[in-house]
C-alpha atoms as a PDB file:
ATOM      1  CA  UNK A   1     -11.309  -7.567  -7.619  1.00  0.00           C
ATOM      2  CA  UNK A   2     -10.105  -6.683  -4.018  1.00  0.00           C
ATOM      3  CA  UNK A   3      -6.661  -5.179  -3.585  1.00  0.00           C
ATOM      4  CA  UNK A   4      -4.490  -7.431  -1.474  1.00  0.00           C
ATOM      5  CA  UNK A   5      -2.582  -5.858   1.413  1.00  0.00           C
ATOM      6  CA  UNK A   6       1.048  -6.670   1.570  1.00  0.00           C
ATOM      7  CA  UNK A   7       1.567  -5.136   4.964  1.00  0.00           C
ATOM      8  CA  UNK A   8       0.027  -6.278   8.187  1.00  0.00           C
ATOM      9  CA  UNK A   9       0.273  -5.436  11.865  1.00  0.00           C
ATOM     10  CA  UNK A  10       1.533  -8.185  14.316  1.00  0.00           C
ATOM     11  CA  UNK A  11       1.659  -8.078  18.112  1.00  0.00           C
ATOM     12  CA  UNK A  12       4.740  -9.594  19.723  1.00  0.00           C
ATOM     13  CA  UNK A  13       2.687 -11.245  22.567  1.00  0.00           C
ATOM     14  CA  UNK A  14       4.782  -9.730  25.337  1.00  0.00           C
ATOM     15  CA  UNK A  15       3.922  -7.238  28.058  1.00  0.00           C
ATOM     16  CA  UNK A  16       3.851  -4.401  27.549  1.00  0.00           C
ATOM     17  CA  UNK A  17       2.389  -4.909  24.030  1.00  0.00           C
ATOM     18  CA  UNK A  18       4.841  -4.274  21.113  1.00  0.00           C
ATOM     19  CA  UNK A  19       3.558  -3.912  17.426  1.00  0.00           C
ATOM     20  CA  UNK A  20       5.519  -4.633  14.312  1.00  0.00           C
ATOM     21  CA  UNK A  21       4.451  -3.961  10.596  1.00  0.00           C
ATOM     22  CA  UNK A  22       5.233  -7.106   8.494  1.00  0.00           C
ATOM     23  CA  UNK A  23       5.628  -7.338   4.738  1.00  0.00           C
ATOM     24  CA  UNK A  24       4.498 -10.390   2.658  1.00  0.00           C
ATOM     25  CA  UNK A  25       7.316 -11.357   0.383  1.00  0.00           C
ATOM     26  CA  UNK A  26       6.957 -13.404  -2.851  1.00  0.00           C
ATOM     27  CA  UNK A  27       7.969 -16.673  -1.009  1.00  0.00           C
ATOM     28  CA  UNK A  28       4.966 -16.243   1.359  1.00  0.00           C
ATOM     29  CA  UNK A  29       6.895 -15.230   4.378  1.00  0.00           C
ATOM     30  CA  UNK A  30       6.141 -12.218   6.481  1.00  0.00           C
ATOM     31  CA  UNK A  31       9.294 -10.040   7.229  1.00  0.00           C
ATOM     32  CA  UNK A  32       9.455  -7.220   9.675  1.00  0.00           C
ATOM     33  CA  UNK A  33       9.858  -3.686   8.214  1.00  0.00           C
ATOM     34  CA  UNK A  34       8.797  -1.455  11.081  1.00  0.00           C
ATOM     35  CA  UNK A  35       8.804  -1.764  14.768  1.00  0.00           C
ATOM     36  CA  UNK A  36       8.671  -3.020  17.561  1.00  0.00           C
ATOM     37  CA  UNK A  37       6.590   0.021  18.600  1.00  0.00           C
ATOM     38  CA  UNK A  38       4.613   0.269  21.850  1.00  0.00           C
ATOM     39  CA  UNK A  39       1.982   2.548  20.182  1.00  0.00           C
ATOM     40  CA  UNK A  40      -0.639   0.832  18.135  1.00  0.00           C
ATOM     41  CA  UNK A  41      -1.663   3.956  16.383  1.00  0.00           C
ATOM     42  CA  UNK A  42       1.762   4.551  15.040  1.00  0.00           C
ATOM     43  CA  UNK A  43       1.955   0.956  13.726  1.00  0.00           C
ATOM     44  CA  UNK A  44      -1.539   1.450  12.100  1.00  0.00           C
ATOM     45  CA  UNK A  45      -0.498   4.616  10.490  1.00  0.00           C
ATOM     46  CA  UNK A  46       2.706   3.179   9.125  1.00  0.00           C
ATOM     47  CA  UNK A  47       0.814   0.061   7.713  1.00  0.00           C
ATOM     48  CA  UNK A  48      -1.796   2.268   6.064  1.00  0.00           C
ATOM     49  CA  UNK A  49       0.907   4.437   4.592  1.00  0.00           C
ATOM     50  CA  UNK A  50       2.757   1.474   3.201  1.00  0.00           C
ATOM     51  CA  UNK A  51      -0.384  -0.163   1.808  1.00  0.00           C
ATOM     52  CA  UNK A  52      -1.272   3.154  -0.076  1.00  0.00           C
ATOM     53  CA  UNK A  53      -4.570   3.795   1.795  1.00  0.00           C
ATOM     54  CA  UNK A  54      -6.660   6.865   0.996  1.00  0.00           C
ATOM     55  CA  UNK A  55      -6.939   9.601   3.470  1.00  0.00           C
ATOM     56  CA  UNK A  56     -10.480  10.314   4.981  1.00  0.00           C
ATOM     57  CA  UNK A  57     -11.905  13.310   6.787  1.00  0.00           C
ATOM     58  CA  UNK A  58     -14.019  13.321  10.014  1.00  0.00           C
ATOM     59  CA  UNK A  59     -17.166  12.235   8.074  1.00  0.00           C
ATOM     60  CA  UNK A  60     -15.434   9.441   6.454  1.00  0.00           C
ATOM     61  CA  UNK A  61     -15.353  10.971   3.019  1.00  0.00           C
ATOM     62  CA  UNK A  62     -12.218  10.721   0.804  1.00  0.00           C
ATOM     63  CA  UNK A  63      -9.788  13.680   0.954  1.00  0.00           C
ATOM     64  CA  UNK A  64      -8.586  15.179  -2.338  1.00  0.00           C
ATOM     65  CA  UNK A  65      -5.138  16.174  -3.145  1.00  0.00           C
ATOM     66  CA  UNK A  66      -4.127  19.917  -2.720  1.00  0.00           C
ATOM     67  CA  UNK A  67      -2.511  21.146  -6.003  1.00  0.00           C
ATOM     68  CA  UNK A  68      -0.518  23.999  -4.405  1.00  0.00           C
ATOM     69  CA  UNK A  69       1.529  21.491  -2.497  1.00  0.00           C
ATOM     70  CA  UNK A  70       3.262  19.436  -5.126  1.00  0.00           C
ATOM     71  CA  UNK A  71       5.676  17.621  -2.717  1.00  0.00           C
ATOM     72  CA  UNK A  72       2.845  16.110  -0.609  1.00  0.00           C
ATOM     73  CA  UNK A  73      -0.173  14.161  -1.727  1.00  0.00           C
ATOM     74  CA  UNK A  74      -2.905  14.748   0.812  1.00  0.00           C
ATOM     75  CA  UNK A  75      -5.143  12.062  -0.777  1.00  0.00           C
ATOM     76  CA  UNK A  76      -3.008   9.352   0.885  1.00  0.00           C
ATOM     77  CA  UNK A  77      -2.111   8.462   4.380  1.00  0.00           C
ATOM     78  CA  UNK A  78       1.562   9.434   4.738  1.00  0.00           C
ATOM     79  CA  UNK A  79       1.468  11.954   1.931  1.00  0.00           C
ATOM     80  CA  UNK A  80       2.781   9.573  -0.771  1.00  0.00           C
ATOM     81  CA  UNK A  81       0.779   7.918  -3.466  1.00  0.00           C
ATOM     82  CA  UNK A  82       1.456   4.219  -4.109  1.00  0.00           C
ATOM     83  CA  UNK A  83       3.643   3.342  -7.020  1.00  0.00           C
ATOM     84  CA  UNK A  84       1.787   2.224 -10.207  1.00  0.00           C
ATOM     85  CA  UNK A  85       2.628  -1.304 -11.253  1.00  0.00           C
ATOM     86  CA  UNK A  86       3.951  -1.578 -14.826  1.00  0.00           C
ATOM     87  CA  UNK A  87       1.324  -3.309 -17.223  1.00  0.00           C
ATOM     88  CA  UNK A  88       2.621  -5.751 -19.661  1.00  0.00           C
ATOM     89  CA  UNK A  89       1.858  -4.792 -23.286  1.00  0.00           C
ATOM     90  CA  UNK A  90       0.493  -7.630 -25.355  1.00  0.00           C
ATOM     91  CA  UNK A  91       1.171  -7.672 -29.095  1.00  0.00           C
ATOM     92  CA  UNK A  92      -1.336  -9.022 -31.530  1.00  0.00           C
ATOM     93  CA  UNK A  93       0.107 -11.416 -33.950  1.00  0.00           C
ATOM     94  CA  UNK A  94      -0.968 -10.500 -37.552  1.00  0.00           C
ATOM     95  CA  UNK A  95      -2.085 -13.187 -39.758  1.00  0.00           C
ATOM     96  CA  UNK A  96      -1.534 -12.939 -43.414  1.00  0.00           C
ATOM     97  CA  UNK A  97      -3.904 -14.449 -45.909  1.00  0.00           C
ATOM     98  CA  UNK A  98      -2.493 -16.236 -48.904  1.00  0.00           C
ATOM     99  CA  UNK A  99      -3.678 -15.196 -52.388  1.00  0.00           C
ATOM    100  CA  UNK A 100      -4.670 -17.866 -54.887  1.00  0.00           C
END
């Protein structure tokens, strides 16, 4: 199952080009969270950081976290790992058998 990206980059359509990072809300409407920024690389970095993208080295391999730096997670763009979503716990309903 592919992970959906809630943050996308949008161009304003004006000259010079301005880029915004938009967030997809529950109601299906994209709302701006970053920008306008004239530098596309800044907008791409911010979008990757907010989507929780993994960092890669020059060869394209995934980068591991460096344990001596507990305040920064080098494995993710921007240095922060995405928050884990809470999972719902399902309870199994026990059935009792009647004795005759």
